[in-house]
Amino acid sequence: MIRVMLVDDQELVRAGFRMVLDAQPDIEVVAEAGDGAQVVDALRAVTADVVLMDVRMPRMDGIEATRRIGALPAERRPKVIILTTFDLDEYAFAAIKAGAAGFLLKDAGPPQLIEAIRAVHSGDAVVAPSTTRRLLDRFAVHLPDTEQQAAQGALATLTSREREVLHLVARGLSNAEIAGRLYVSEATVKTHMGRILTKLGLRDRVQAVVFAYETGLVRSGQA
């Protein structure tokens, strides 16, 4: 059973998500919060696997709440999926940098929402949708030069095959698609990805995508 926490300042939005999610046999909504300030306190009382987090909320926004979740002990730290709109892309990018496992548009359909929750719970990250690519393409050009320089040094620690895998991950390919592209097993791709994260000191696949943009391994608008 995947335990989900809903964080949104609009009660009707939370009710809509709850109705969709509680209808799934493998998903259970275990907690709700109306703003980011309530999140960490709520997580002390319940255990959640995934948090659906709105970006813009009173008292504390989703970015700061995501940072605070990232500071929790690993055994109490759920994955975060940021909910955003096209008008707030910059908030979503900041939240991904803060440690979110991905993001969805608020108008995503129930199948997309359910698929994203299951993917994040299984250890993947929501980085494949075209909306993610558009967001990264739009804001990667604004990354500070100092961050790019530091990331370039870390990139040099990867092998050529690891760089190739990272490049494909950043382009939005799944492990299965990368395996097919490189003619290796999916388990081999997962092994490469694990080594990449360890060498670069990254938390997850989403941070790996951001890293690839910081170093210029993937350029804005690249296919």
N, C-alpha and C. Protein backbone atom coordinates (compact mmCIF):
# COMPACT_ATOMS: atom_id res chain seq x y z
N MET A 1 0.85 -1.20 0.00
CA MET A 1 0.00 0.00 0.00
C MET A 1 0.88 1.25 0.00
N ILE A 2 0.62 2.17 -0.92
CA ILE A 2 1.37 3.42 -1.01
C ILE A 2 0.64 4.48 -0.19
N ARG A 3 1.30 4.99 0.84
CA ARG A 3 0.70 5.97 1.73
C ARG A 3 1.01 7.39 1.23
N VAL A 4 -0.05 8.16 0.99
CA VAL A 4 0.10 9.48 0.37
C VAL A 4 -0.40 10.57 1.31
N MET A 5 0.33 11.69 1.32
CA MET A 5 -0.09 12.88 2.05
C MET A 5 -0.40 13.97 1.04
N LEU A 6 -1.52 14.66 1.21
CA LEU A 6 -1.94 15.74 0.32
C LEU A 6 -1.68 17.09 0.97
N VAL A 7 -0.98 17.99 0.27
CA VAL A 7 -0.68 19.31 0.81
C VAL A 7 -1.13 20.36 -0.19
N ASP A 8 -2.19 21.06 0.13
CA ASP A 8 -2.75 22.09 -0.75
C ASP A 8 -3.63 23.00 0.10
N ASP A 9 -3.59 24.30 -0.15
CA ASP A 9 -4.38 25.21 0.67
C ASP A 9 -5.86 25.24 0.26
N GLN A 10 -6.20 24.58 -0.83
CA GLN A 10 -7.59 24.54 -1.26
C GLN A 10 -8.22 23.19 -0.89
N GLU A 11 -9.19 23.24 -0.01
CA GLU A 11 -9.80 22.02 0.48
C GLU A 11 -10.48 21.22 -0.63
N LEU A 12 -11.09 21.91 -1.58
CA LEU A 12 -11.74 21.21 -2.68
C LEU A 12 -10.74 20.47 -3.55
N VAL A 13 -9.56 21.04 -3.73
CA VAL A 13 -8.51 20.36 -4.50
C VAL A 13 -8.09 19.08 -3.80
N ARG A 14 -7.87 19.18 -2.47
CA ARG A 14 -7.49 17.99 -1.71
C ARG A 14 -8.59 16.93 -1.78
N ALA A 15 -9.84 17.35 -1.70
CA ALA A 15 -10.95 16.41 -1.75
C ALA A 15 -10.99 15.69 -3.10
N GLY A 16 -10.70 16.42 -4.16
CA GLY A 16 -10.68 15.81 -5.49
C GLY A 16 -9.58 14.77 -5.62
N PHE A 17 -8.38 15.12 -5.13
CA PHE A 17 -7.27 14.17 -5.16
C PHE A 17 -7.59 12.93 -4.31
N ARG A 18 -8.14 13.16 -3.13
CA ARG A 18 -8.46 12.05 -2.24
C ARG A 18 -9.46 11.09 -2.90
N MET A 19 -10.46 11.62 -3.55
CA MET A 19 -11.45 10.79 -4.20
C MET A 19 -10.82 9.90 -5.27
N VAL A 20 -9.92 10.49 -6.05
CA VAL A 20 -9.24 9.72 -7.10
C VAL A 20 -8.32 8.66 -6.51
N LEU A 21 -7.53 9.05 -5.51
CA LEU A 21 -6.51 8.15 -4.98
C LEU A 21 -7.10 7.04 -4.12
N ASP A 22 -8.10 7.35 -3.31
CA ASP A 22 -8.69 6.33 -2.45
C ASP A 22 -9.42 5.25 -3.25
N ALA A 23 -9.69 5.54 -4.52
CA ALA A 23 -10.34 4.54 -5.38
C ALA A 23 -9.35 3.49 -5.90
N GLN A 24 -8.05 3.74 -5.67
CA GLN A 24 -7.03 2.80 -6.13
C GLN A 24 -6.76 1.74 -5.06
N PRO A 25 -6.64 0.48 -5.46
CA PRO A 25 -6.44 -0.58 -4.47
C PRO A 25 -5.09 -0.55 -3.76
N ASP A 26 -4.11 0.14 -4.36
CA ASP A 26 -2.76 0.15 -3.80
C ASP A 26 -2.34 1.50 -3.25
N ILE A 27 -3.29 2.45 -3.14
CA ILE A 27 -2.96 3.80 -2.66
C ILE A 27 -3.92 4.19 -1.55
N GLU A 28 -3.36 4.78 -0.49
CA GLU A 28 -4.17 5.24 0.64
C GLU A 28 -3.73 6.64 1.04
N VAL A 29 -4.68 7.57 1.14
CA VAL A 29 -4.37 8.92 1.64
C VAL A 29 -4.38 8.87 3.16
N VAL A 30 -3.21 9.13 3.76
CA VAL A 30 -3.08 8.98 5.21
C VAL A 30 -3.08 10.32 5.95
N ALA A 31 -2.91 11.43 5.24
CA ALA A 31 -2.87 12.73 5.91
C ALA A 31 -3.09 13.84 4.90
N GLU A 32 -3.52 15.00 5.41
CA GLU A 32 -3.69 16.20 4.61
C GLU A 32 -3.11 17.39 5.37
N ALA A 33 -2.71 18.41 4.63
CA ALA A 33 -2.25 19.66 5.24
C ALA A 33 -2.65 20.81 4.34
N GLY A 34 -2.95 21.95 4.96
CA GLY A 34 -3.40 23.11 4.22
C GLY A 34 -2.30 24.09 3.86
N ASP A 35 -1.09 23.89 4.39
CA ASP A 35 0.06 24.71 4.02
C ASP A 35 1.34 23.99 4.40
N GLY A 36 2.46 24.51 3.91
CA GLY A 36 3.74 23.85 4.13
C GLY A 36 4.16 23.77 5.57
N ALA A 37 3.73 24.73 6.39
CA ALA A 37 4.13 24.74 7.79
C ALA A 37 3.60 23.53 8.55
N GLN A 38 2.51 22.96 8.08
CA GLN A 38 1.90 21.82 8.77
C GLN A 38 2.53 20.48 8.39
N VAL A 39 3.33 20.48 7.33
CA VAL A 39 3.78 19.21 6.75
C VAL A 39 4.67 18.41 7.69
N VAL A 40 5.75 19.03 8.18
CA VAL A 40 6.70 18.29 9.01
C VAL A 40 6.04 17.80 10.29
N ASP A 41 5.21 18.64 10.89
CA ASP A 41 4.49 18.22 12.10
C ASP A 41 3.59 17.02 11.81
N ALA A 42 2.90 17.06 10.68
CA ALA A 42 2.03 15.95 10.31
C ALA A 42 2.82 14.66 10.09
N LEU A 43 4.02 14.79 9.53
CA LEU A 43 4.84 13.61 9.25
C LEU A 43 5.43 13.01 10.52
N ARG A 44 5.39 13.72 11.62
CA ARG A 44 5.81 13.15 12.90
C ARG A 44 4.73 12.23 13.45
N ALA A 45 3.49 12.45 13.01
CA ALA A 45 2.37 11.67 13.52
C ALA A 45 2.00 10.50 12.63
N VAL A 46 2.26 10.64 11.31
CA VAL A 46 1.93 9.57 10.37
C VAL A 46 3.13 9.28 9.49
N THR A 47 3.13 8.11 8.90
CA THR A 47 4.18 7.74 7.96
C THR A 47 3.60 7.79 6.55
N ALA A 48 4.24 8.58 5.70
CA ALA A 48 3.81 8.69 4.31
C ALA A 48 4.96 8.28 3.39
N ASP A 49 4.61 7.71 2.26
CA ASP A 49 5.62 7.33 1.26
C ASP A 49 5.81 8.43 0.22
N VAL A 50 4.71 9.10 -0.11
CA VAL A 50 4.73 10.14 -1.15
C VAL A 50 3.91 11.33 -0.66
N VAL A 51 4.43 12.54 -0.89
CA VAL A 51 3.69 13.77 -0.59
C VAL A 51 3.38 14.49 -1.90
N LEU A 52 2.10 14.77 -2.13
CA LEU A 52 1.69 15.63 -3.24
C LEU A 52 1.67 17.05 -2.71
N MET A 53 2.58 17.90 -3.20
CA MET A 53 2.83 19.21 -2.60
C MET A 53 2.51 20.35 -3.57
N ASP A 54 1.57 21.20 -3.18
CA ASP A 54 1.33 22.41 -3.94
C ASP A 54 2.54 23.34 -3.78
N VAL A 55 2.76 24.21 -4.76
CA VAL A 55 3.91 25.12 -4.68
C VAL A 55 3.58 26.37 -3.88
N ARG A 56 2.49 27.01 -4.24
CA ARG A 56 2.21 28.31 -3.65
C ARG A 56 1.11 28.18 -2.59
N MET A 57 1.49 28.40 -1.33
CA MET A 57 0.57 28.26 -0.20
C MET A 57 0.88 29.32 0.85
N PRO A 58 -0.08 29.64 1.71
CA PRO A 58 0.16 30.63 2.77
C PRO A 58 1.13 30.09 3.83
N ARG A 59 1.71 31.02 4.58
CA ARG A 59 2.63 30.72 5.70
C ARG A 59 3.95 30.11 5.23
N MET A 60 3.91 28.97 4.56
CA MET A 60 5.13 28.36 4.04
C MET A 60 4.83 27.71 2.70
N ASP A 61 5.63 28.05 1.68
CA ASP A 61 5.36 27.50 0.36
C ASP A 61 5.92 26.08 0.22
N GLY A 62 5.63 25.47 -0.92
CA GLY A 62 6.04 24.09 -1.14
C GLY A 62 7.54 23.91 -1.26
N ILE A 63 8.24 24.94 -1.66
CA ILE A 63 9.70 24.84 -1.80
C ILE A 63 10.36 24.66 -0.44
N GLU A 64 10.02 25.54 0.50
CA GLU A 64 10.59 25.44 1.84
C GLU A 64 10.14 24.16 2.53
N ALA A 65 8.90 23.77 2.32
CA ALA A 65 8.41 22.52 2.92
C ALA A 65 9.17 21.32 2.37
N THR A 66 9.50 21.35 1.10
CA THR A 66 10.27 20.26 0.49
C THR A 66 11.67 20.21 1.09
N ARG A 67 12.28 21.37 1.30
CA ARG A 67 13.61 21.40 1.94
C ARG A 67 13.54 20.79 3.34
N ARG A 68 12.51 21.11 4.08
CA ARG A 68 12.38 20.59 5.45
C ARG A 68 12.14 19.09 5.46
N ILE A 69 11.40 18.60 4.49
CA ILE A 69 11.21 17.15 4.38
C ILE A 69 12.55 16.49 4.09
N GLY A 70 13.37 17.13 3.25
CA GLY A 70 14.68 16.58 2.93
C GLY A 70 15.61 16.48 4.12
N ALA A 71 15.33 17.26 5.16
CA ALA A 71 16.17 17.23 6.36
C ALA A 71 15.73 16.17 7.37
N LEU A 72 14.61 15.51 7.10
CA LEU A 72 14.13 14.47 8.00
C LEU A 72 15.02 13.24 7.92
N PRO A 73 15.04 12.39 8.96
CA PRO A 73 15.77 11.12 8.88
C PRO A 73 15.27 10.29 7.70
N ALA A 74 16.16 9.53 7.09
CA ALA A 74 15.82 8.80 5.86
C ALA A 74 14.59 7.92 6.03
N GLU A 75 14.44 7.30 7.19
CA GLU A 75 13.31 6.38 7.40
C GLU A 75 11.98 7.12 7.55
N ARG A 76 12.03 8.43 7.74
CA ARG A 76 10.80 9.23 7.89
C ARG A 76 10.63 10.21 6.73
N ARG A 77 11.41 10.05 5.68
CA ARG A 77 11.45 11.04 4.60
C ARG A 77 10.69 10.53 3.37
N PRO A 78 9.49 11.04 3.11
CA PRO A 78 8.75 10.62 1.92
C PRO A 78 9.29 11.29 0.67
N LYS A 79 8.95 10.75 -0.48
CA LYS A 79 9.25 11.40 -1.76
C LYS A 79 8.23 12.51 -1.98
N VAL A 80 8.65 13.57 -2.64
CA VAL A 80 7.77 14.71 -2.88
C VAL A 80 7.51 14.88 -4.37
N ILE A 81 6.25 14.99 -4.73
CA ILE A 81 5.86 15.37 -6.09
C ILE A 81 5.24 16.76 -6.01
N ILE A 82 5.83 17.68 -6.73
CA ILE A 82 5.36 19.06 -6.72
C ILE A 82 4.22 19.22 -7.72
N LEU A 83 3.19 19.93 -7.31
CA LEU A 83 2.07 20.26 -8.18
C LEU A 83 2.20 21.71 -8.60
N THR A 84 2.12 21.98 -9.89
CA THR A 84 2.37 23.34 -10.37
C THR A 84 1.49 23.67 -11.56
N THR A 85 1.60 24.89 -12.04
CA THR A 85 0.94 25.33 -13.26
C THR A 85 1.99 25.92 -14.19
N PHE A 86 1.65 26.14 -15.44
CA PHE A 86 2.60 26.74 -16.37
C PHE A 86 3.08 28.10 -15.88
N ASP A 87 2.22 28.83 -15.18
CA ASP A 87 2.57 30.18 -14.74
C ASP A 87 3.56 30.18 -13.58
N LEU A 88 3.77 29.03 -12.97
CA LEU A 88 4.64 28.96 -11.79
C LEU A 88 5.80 28.00 -12.01
N ASP A 89 6.28 27.88 -13.23
CA ASP A 89 7.36 26.95 -13.52
C ASP A 89 8.61 27.21 -12.69
N GLU A 90 8.91 28.50 -12.45
CA GLU A 90 10.12 28.80 -11.69
C GLU A 90 10.06 28.24 -10.27
N TYR A 91 8.88 28.17 -9.68
CA TYR A 91 8.73 27.58 -8.36
C TYR A 91 8.99 26.08 -8.42
N ALA A 92 8.50 25.44 -9.44
CA ALA A 92 8.71 24.00 -9.58
C ALA A 92 10.19 23.68 -9.75
N PHE A 93 10.90 24.49 -10.54
CA PHE A 93 12.33 24.24 -10.73
C PHE A 93 13.08 24.37 -9.41
N ALA A 94 12.74 25.39 -8.64
CA ALA A 94 13.38 25.58 -7.34
C ALA A 94 13.08 24.42 -6.41
N ALA A 95 11.87 23.89 -6.48
CA ALA A 95 11.50 22.77 -5.62
C ALA A 95 12.25 21.50 -6.00
N ILE A 96 12.45 21.28 -7.29
CA ILE A 96 13.23 20.13 -7.73
C ILE A 96 14.67 20.26 -7.22
N LYS A 97 15.21 21.47 -7.30
CA LYS A 97 16.54 21.70 -6.75
C LYS A 97 16.57 21.44 -5.24
N ALA A 98 15.43 21.65 -4.58
CA ALA A 98 15.35 21.44 -3.13
C ALA A 98 15.19 19.97 -2.77
N GLY A 99 14.98 19.12 -3.76
CA GLY A 99 14.92 17.69 -3.47
C GLY A 99 13.65 16.97 -3.87
N ALA A 100 12.74 17.63 -4.57
CA ALA A 100 11.52 16.95 -4.99
C ALA A 100 11.84 15.85 -6.00
N ALA A 101 11.03 14.81 -6.00
CA ALA A 101 11.25 13.69 -6.91
C ALA A 101 10.61 13.93 -8.27
N GLY A 102 9.92 15.05 -8.42
CA GLY A 102 9.32 15.35 -9.70
C GLY A 102 8.19 16.33 -9.54
N PHE A 103 7.47 16.55 -10.62
CA PHE A 103 6.34 17.46 -10.52
C PHE A 103 5.31 17.14 -11.59
N LEU A 104 4.10 17.59 -11.33
CA LEU A 104 2.99 17.44 -12.26
C LEU A 104 2.26 18.76 -12.39
N LEU A 105 1.63 18.94 -13.53
CA LEU A 105 0.73 20.08 -13.67
C LEU A 105 -0.55 19.76 -12.92
N LYS A 106 -1.16 20.80 -12.37
CA LYS A 106 -2.37 20.59 -11.59
C LYS A 106 -3.53 20.07 -12.44
N ASP A 107 -3.48 20.32 -13.73
CA ASP A 107 -4.55 19.83 -14.58
C ASP A 107 -4.26 18.46 -15.18
N ALA A 108 -3.25 17.78 -14.66
CA ALA A 108 -2.97 16.41 -15.12
C ALA A 108 -4.17 15.52 -14.82
N GLY A 109 -4.42 14.58 -15.68
CA GLY A 109 -5.53 13.67 -15.49
C GLY A 109 -5.25 12.64 -14.42
N PRO A 110 -6.28 12.00 -13.89
CA PRO A 110 -6.10 10.96 -12.86
C PRO A 110 -5.09 9.88 -13.25
N PRO A 111 -5.09 9.36 -14.50
CA PRO A 111 -4.10 8.33 -14.84
C PRO A 111 -2.66 8.82 -14.68
N GLN A 112 -2.39 10.09 -15.07
CA GLN A 112 -1.04 10.63 -14.92
C GLN A 112 -0.66 10.77 -13.45
N LEU A 113 -1.59 11.23 -12.65
CA LEU A 113 -1.34 11.39 -11.22
C LEU A 113 -1.01 10.05 -10.57
N ILE A 114 -1.81 9.06 -10.86
CA ILE A 114 -1.62 7.72 -10.27
C ILE A 114 -0.31 7.11 -10.74
N GLU A 115 -0.03 7.25 -12.04
CA GLU A 115 1.22 6.71 -12.58
C GLU A 115 2.44 7.37 -11.93
N ALA A 116 2.37 8.69 -11.72
CA ALA A 116 3.49 9.41 -11.11
C ALA A 116 3.72 8.94 -9.68
N ILE A 117 2.66 8.76 -8.92
CA ILE A 117 2.80 8.30 -7.53
C ILE A 117 3.43 6.92 -7.49
N ARG A 118 2.98 6.03 -8.33
CA ARG A 118 3.54 4.68 -8.35
C ARG A 118 5.00 4.68 -8.79
N ALA A 119 5.32 5.53 -9.78
CA ALA A 119 6.71 5.59 -10.26
C ALA A 119 7.65 6.09 -9.17
N VAL A 120 7.25 7.16 -8.49
CA VAL A 120 8.09 7.73 -7.43
C VAL A 120 8.23 6.74 -6.28
N HIS A 121 7.15 6.09 -5.92
CA HIS A 121 7.21 5.12 -4.83
C HIS A 121 8.14 3.97 -5.14
N SER A 122 8.23 3.58 -6.41
CA SER A 122 9.09 2.46 -6.79
C SER A 122 10.56 2.85 -6.90
N GLY A 123 10.86 4.12 -6.66
CA GLY A 123 12.25 4.57 -6.67
C GLY A 123 12.64 5.34 -7.91
N ASP A 124 11.72 5.49 -8.85
CA ASP A 124 11.99 6.28 -10.04
C ASP A 124 11.66 7.73 -9.74
N ALA A 125 11.74 8.57 -10.74
CA ALA A 125 11.37 9.98 -10.57
C ALA A 125 10.58 10.42 -11.78
N VAL A 126 9.73 11.40 -11.57
CA VAL A 126 8.87 11.86 -12.66
C VAL A 126 9.65 12.89 -13.48
N VAL A 127 10.47 12.39 -14.42
CA VAL A 127 11.30 13.28 -15.22
C VAL A 127 11.04 13.11 -16.72
N ALA A 128 10.26 12.14 -17.11
CA ALA A 128 10.08 11.87 -18.52
C ALA A 128 9.08 12.76 -19.24
N PRO A 129 7.99 13.22 -18.60
CA PRO A 129 6.98 13.97 -19.35
C PRO A 129 7.56 15.20 -20.04
N SER A 130 6.95 15.55 -21.16
CA SER A 130 7.43 16.69 -21.94
C SER A 130 7.36 17.99 -21.15
N THR A 131 6.44 18.07 -20.19
CA THR A 131 6.35 19.28 -19.37
C THR A 131 7.62 19.49 -18.56
N THR A 132 8.22 18.40 -18.08
CA THR A 132 9.47 18.51 -17.34
C THR A 132 10.58 19.03 -18.23
N ARG A 133 10.64 18.47 -19.44
CA ARG A 133 11.66 18.93 -20.38
C ARG A 133 11.50 20.42 -20.68
N ARG A 134 10.26 20.88 -20.88
CA ARG A 134 10.05 22.29 -21.19
C ARG A 134 10.48 23.17 -20.03
N LEU A 135 10.19 22.73 -18.82
CA LEU A 135 10.58 23.53 -17.66
C LEU A 135 12.10 23.63 -17.56
N LEU A 136 12.79 22.50 -17.70
CA LEU A 136 14.24 22.52 -17.60
C LEU A 136 14.86 23.32 -18.74
N ASP A 137 14.31 23.16 -19.95
CA ASP A 137 14.82 23.92 -21.09
C ASP A 137 14.69 25.42 -20.84
N ARG A 138 13.60 25.81 -20.20
CA ARG A 138 13.33 27.24 -20.00
C ARG A 138 14.23 27.86 -18.95
N PHE A 139 14.52 27.11 -17.88
CA PHE A 139 15.22 27.73 -16.75
C PHE A 139 16.68 27.33 -16.61
N ALA A 140 17.13 26.31 -17.35
CA ALA A 140 18.54 25.92 -17.25
C ALA A 140 19.47 27.05 -17.67
N VAL A 141 19.03 27.89 -18.60
CA VAL A 141 19.88 28.98 -19.08
C VAL A 141 20.12 30.03 -18.00
N HIS A 142 19.34 30.00 -16.93
CA HIS A 142 19.49 31.00 -15.87
C HIS A 142 20.32 30.49 -14.69
N LEU A 143 20.88 29.29 -14.80
CA LEU A 143 21.68 28.76 -13.70
C LEU A 143 22.94 29.61 -13.51
N PRO A 144 23.35 29.89 -12.26
CA PRO A 144 24.54 30.70 -12.01
C PRO A 144 25.80 30.05 -12.57
N ASP A 145 26.74 30.86 -13.04
CA ASP A 145 27.99 30.34 -13.60
C ASP A 145 28.77 29.54 -12.56
N THR A 146 28.73 29.96 -11.28
CA THR A 146 29.48 29.26 -10.24
C THR A 146 29.00 27.83 -10.09
N GLU A 147 27.67 27.62 -10.19
CA GLU A 147 27.13 26.27 -10.10
C GLU A 147 27.58 25.44 -11.29
N GLN A 148 27.61 26.04 -12.47
CA GLN A 148 28.02 25.32 -13.67
C GLN A 148 29.48 24.89 -13.56
N GLN A 149 30.33 25.75 -13.06
CA GLN A 149 31.75 25.44 -12.95
C GLN A 149 31.99 24.29 -11.97
N ALA A 150 31.31 24.32 -10.81
CA ALA A 150 31.47 23.25 -9.82
C ALA A 150 30.98 21.93 -10.38
N ALA A 151 29.87 21.97 -11.11
CA ALA A 151 29.32 20.75 -11.68
C ALA A 151 30.22 20.16 -12.75
N GLN A 152 30.90 21.03 -13.52
CA GLN A 152 31.79 20.55 -14.57
C GLN A 152 32.91 19.69 -13.99
N GLY A 153 33.45 20.10 -12.83
CA GLY A 153 34.50 19.32 -12.19
C GLY A 153 34.02 17.95 -11.77
N ALA A 154 32.80 17.88 -11.24
CA ALA A 154 32.25 16.60 -10.83
C ALA A 154 31.98 15.69 -12.02
N LEU A 155 31.58 16.28 -13.15
CA LEU A 155 31.29 15.51 -14.35
C LEU A 155 32.51 14.71 -14.82
N ALA A 156 33.69 15.25 -14.59
CA ALA A 156 34.92 14.60 -15.03
C ALA A 156 35.18 13.28 -14.32
N THR A 157 34.48 13.02 -13.20
CA THR A 157 34.70 11.77 -12.47
C THR A 157 33.94 10.60 -13.09
N LEU A 158 33.06 10.87 -14.04
CA LEU A 158 32.26 9.80 -14.64
C LEU A 158 33.00 9.14 -15.80
N THR A 159 32.74 7.86 -16.01
CA THR A 159 33.26 7.17 -17.18
C THR A 159 32.47 7.60 -18.41
N SER A 160 32.96 7.26 -19.59
CA SER A 160 32.26 7.64 -20.81
C SER A 160 30.87 7.01 -20.87
N ARG A 161 30.73 5.75 -20.42
CA ARG A 161 29.44 5.10 -20.44
C ARG A 161 28.49 5.75 -19.42
N GLU A 162 29.02 6.12 -18.27
CA GLU A 162 28.19 6.79 -17.27
C GLU A 162 27.71 8.14 -17.77
N ARG A 163 28.56 8.85 -18.48
CA ARG A 163 28.16 10.13 -19.08
C ARG A 163 27.06 9.90 -20.12
N GLU A 164 27.19 8.83 -20.87
CA GLU A 164 26.19 8.51 -21.88
C GLU A 164 24.84 8.21 -21.24
N VAL A 165 24.86 7.43 -20.17
CA VAL A 165 23.62 7.11 -19.45
C VAL A 165 23.01 8.39 -18.87
N LEU A 166 23.83 9.23 -18.26
CA LEU A 166 23.33 10.48 -17.68
C LEU A 166 22.70 11.36 -18.76
N HIS A 167 23.33 11.41 -19.91
CA HIS A 167 22.80 12.21 -21.01
C HIS A 167 21.41 11.73 -21.42
N LEU A 168 21.23 10.42 -21.51
CA LEU A 168 19.94 9.86 -21.91
C LEU A 168 18.88 10.06 -20.82
N VAL A 169 19.30 9.94 -19.57
CA VAL A 169 18.38 10.20 -18.46
C VAL A 169 17.88 11.65 -18.53
N ALA A 170 18.80 12.57 -18.76
CA ALA A 170 18.45 13.98 -18.82
C ALA A 170 17.56 14.31 -20.01
N ARG A 171 17.60 13.48 -21.04
CA ARG A 171 16.72 13.69 -22.19
C ARG A 171 15.34 13.10 -21.95
N GLY A 172 15.16 12.46 -20.78
CA GLY A 172 13.83 11.99 -20.40
C GLY A 172 13.56 10.54 -20.68
N LEU A 173 14.60 9.75 -21.04
CA LEU A 173 14.39 8.34 -21.33
C LEU A 173 14.28 7.54 -20.04
N SER A 174 13.44 6.52 -20.04
CA SER A 174 13.31 5.61 -18.90
C SER A 174 14.47 4.61 -18.92
N ASN A 175 14.62 3.86 -17.83
CA ASN A 175 15.67 2.85 -17.79
C ASN A 175 15.51 1.83 -18.91
N ALA A 176 14.26 1.43 -19.17
CA ALA A 176 14.02 0.45 -20.23
C ALA A 176 14.40 1.02 -21.60
N GLU A 177 14.07 2.29 -21.83
CA GLU A 177 14.42 2.91 -23.12
C GLU A 177 15.93 3.06 -23.27
N ILE A 178 16.61 3.40 -22.17
CA ILE A 178 18.07 3.52 -22.23
C ILE A 178 18.70 2.16 -22.51
N ALA A 179 18.18 1.12 -21.86
CA ALA A 179 18.70 -0.23 -22.08
C ALA A 179 18.58 -0.61 -23.55
N GLY A 180 17.43 -0.31 -24.16
CA GLY A 180 17.24 -0.60 -25.57
C GLY A 180 18.18 0.19 -26.46
N ARG A 181 18.40 1.45 -26.11
CA ARG A 181 19.27 2.32 -26.90
C ARG A 181 20.74 1.86 -26.84
N LEU A 182 21.17 1.38 -25.67
CA LEU A 182 22.58 1.01 -25.47
C LEU A 182 22.83 -0.49 -25.62
N TYR A 183 21.76 -1.25 -25.88
CA TYR A 183 21.88 -2.71 -26.04
C TYR A 183 22.45 -3.38 -24.79
N VAL A 184 21.95 -2.97 -23.63
CA VAL A 184 22.34 -3.58 -22.36
C VAL A 184 21.06 -3.92 -21.61
N SER A 185 21.19 -4.60 -20.47
CA SER A 185 20.02 -4.94 -19.68
C SER A 185 19.56 -3.74 -18.85
N GLU A 186 18.32 -3.78 -18.43
CA GLU A 186 17.80 -2.70 -17.59
C GLU A 186 18.53 -2.69 -16.24
N ALA A 187 18.91 -3.88 -15.75
CA ALA A 187 19.66 -3.95 -14.49
C ALA A 187 21.01 -3.25 -14.61
N THR A 188 21.63 -3.35 -15.79
CA THR A 188 22.91 -2.67 -16.02
C THR A 188 22.73 -1.16 -15.99
N VAL A 189 21.65 -0.69 -16.57
CA VAL A 189 21.36 0.75 -16.54
C VAL A 189 21.18 1.22 -15.10
N LYS A 190 20.44 0.45 -14.30
CA LYS A 190 20.24 0.81 -12.90
C LYS A 190 21.56 0.85 -12.14
N THR A 191 22.46 -0.08 -12.48
CA THR A 191 23.78 -0.09 -11.83
C THR A 191 24.55 1.17 -12.19
N HIS A 192 24.55 1.52 -13.47
CA HIS A 192 25.22 2.75 -13.90
C HIS A 192 24.63 3.97 -13.20
N MET A 193 23.30 3.99 -13.10
CA MET A 193 22.65 5.14 -12.48
C MET A 193 23.02 5.25 -11.01
N GLY A 194 23.10 4.13 -10.33
CA GLY A 194 23.51 4.14 -8.94
C GLY A 194 24.92 4.68 -8.75
N ARG A 195 25.82 4.29 -9.65
CA ARG A 195 27.20 4.79 -9.58
C ARG A 195 27.26 6.28 -9.88
N ILE A 196 26.46 6.73 -10.83
CA ILE A 196 26.42 8.15 -11.17
C ILE A 196 25.99 8.97 -9.95
N LEU A 197 24.91 8.54 -9.30
CA LEU A 197 24.42 9.28 -8.14
C LEU A 197 25.45 9.30 -7.02
N THR A 198 26.12 8.17 -6.80
CA THR A 198 27.12 8.08 -5.75
C THR A 198 28.31 9.00 -6.04
N LYS A 199 28.83 8.95 -7.27
CA LYS A 199 29.99 9.76 -7.63
C LYS A 199 29.69 11.26 -7.55
N LEU A 200 28.48 11.63 -7.94
CA LEU A 200 28.14 13.05 -8.00
C LEU A 200 27.51 13.57 -6.71
N GLY A 201 27.24 12.65 -5.77
CA GLY A 201 26.65 13.06 -4.50
C GLY A 201 25.24 13.58 -4.66
N LEU A 202 24.48 12.95 -5.55
CA LEU A 202 23.12 13.38 -5.83
C LEU A 202 22.12 12.46 -5.14
N ARG A 203 20.93 13.01 -4.83
CA ARG A 203 19.92 12.24 -4.12
C ARG A 203 19.15 11.30 -5.02
N ASP A 204 18.82 11.77 -6.22
CA ASP A 204 17.92 10.98 -7.05
C ASP A 204 18.06 11.35 -8.51
N ARG A 205 17.20 10.75 -9.32
CA ARG A 205 17.23 10.91 -10.76
C ARG A 205 16.93 12.35 -11.19
N VAL A 206 16.04 13.01 -10.49
CA VAL A 206 15.71 14.39 -10.84
C VAL A 206 16.92 15.30 -10.67
N GLN A 207 17.62 15.15 -9.56
CA GLN A 207 18.83 15.95 -9.36
C GLN A 207 19.87 15.65 -10.43
N ALA A 208 19.89 14.41 -10.91
CA ALA A 208 20.81 14.06 -11.99
C ALA A 208 20.47 14.82 -13.27
N VAL A 209 19.17 14.98 -13.53
CA VAL A 209 18.75 15.75 -14.71
C VAL A 209 19.19 17.20 -14.57
N VAL A 210 18.96 17.79 -13.41
CA VAL A 210 19.37 19.18 -13.19
C VAL A 210 20.88 19.31 -13.35
N PHE A 211 21.62 18.34 -12.81
CA PHE A 211 23.08 18.35 -12.93
C PHE A 211 23.51 18.35 -14.39
N ALA A 212 22.85 17.53 -15.21
CA ALA A 212 23.20 17.45 -16.63
C ALA A 212 23.01 18.79 -17.32
N TYR A 213 21.99 19.54 -16.92
CA TYR A 213 21.78 20.87 -17.49
C TYR A 213 22.81 21.86 -16.95
N GLU A 214 23.17 21.74 -15.69
CA GLU A 214 24.16 22.65 -15.10
C GLU A 214 25.50 22.54 -15.80
N THR A 215 25.87 21.33 -16.18
CA THR A 215 27.18 21.11 -16.80
C THR A 215 27.16 21.35 -18.30
N GLY A 216 25.97 21.50 -18.88
CA GLY A 216 25.90 21.64 -20.33
C GLY A 216 25.94 20.32 -21.05
N LEU A 217 25.86 19.20 -20.30
CA LEU A 217 25.82 17.89 -20.94
C LEU A 217 24.59 17.78 -21.84
N VAL A 218 23.51 18.38 -21.39
CA VAL A 218 22.31 18.54 -22.22
C VAL A 218 22.02 20.02 -22.32
N ARG A 219 21.82 20.51 -23.53
CA ARG A 219 21.61 21.93 -23.77
C ARG A 219 20.12 22.23 -23.86
N SER A 220 19.77 23.45 -23.54
CA SER A 220 18.39 23.90 -23.65
C SER A 220 17.88 23.68 -25.07
N GLY A 221 16.73 23.00 -25.18
CA GLY A 221 16.12 22.77 -26.48
C GLY A 221 16.68 21.58 -27.23
N GLN A 222 17.67 20.87 -26.65
CA GLN A 222 18.27 19.73 -27.34
C GLN A 222 17.29 18.59 -27.42
N ALA A 223 17.25 17.91 -28.53
CA ALA A 223 16.33 16.78 -28.71
C ALA A 223 16.86 15.56 -28.03
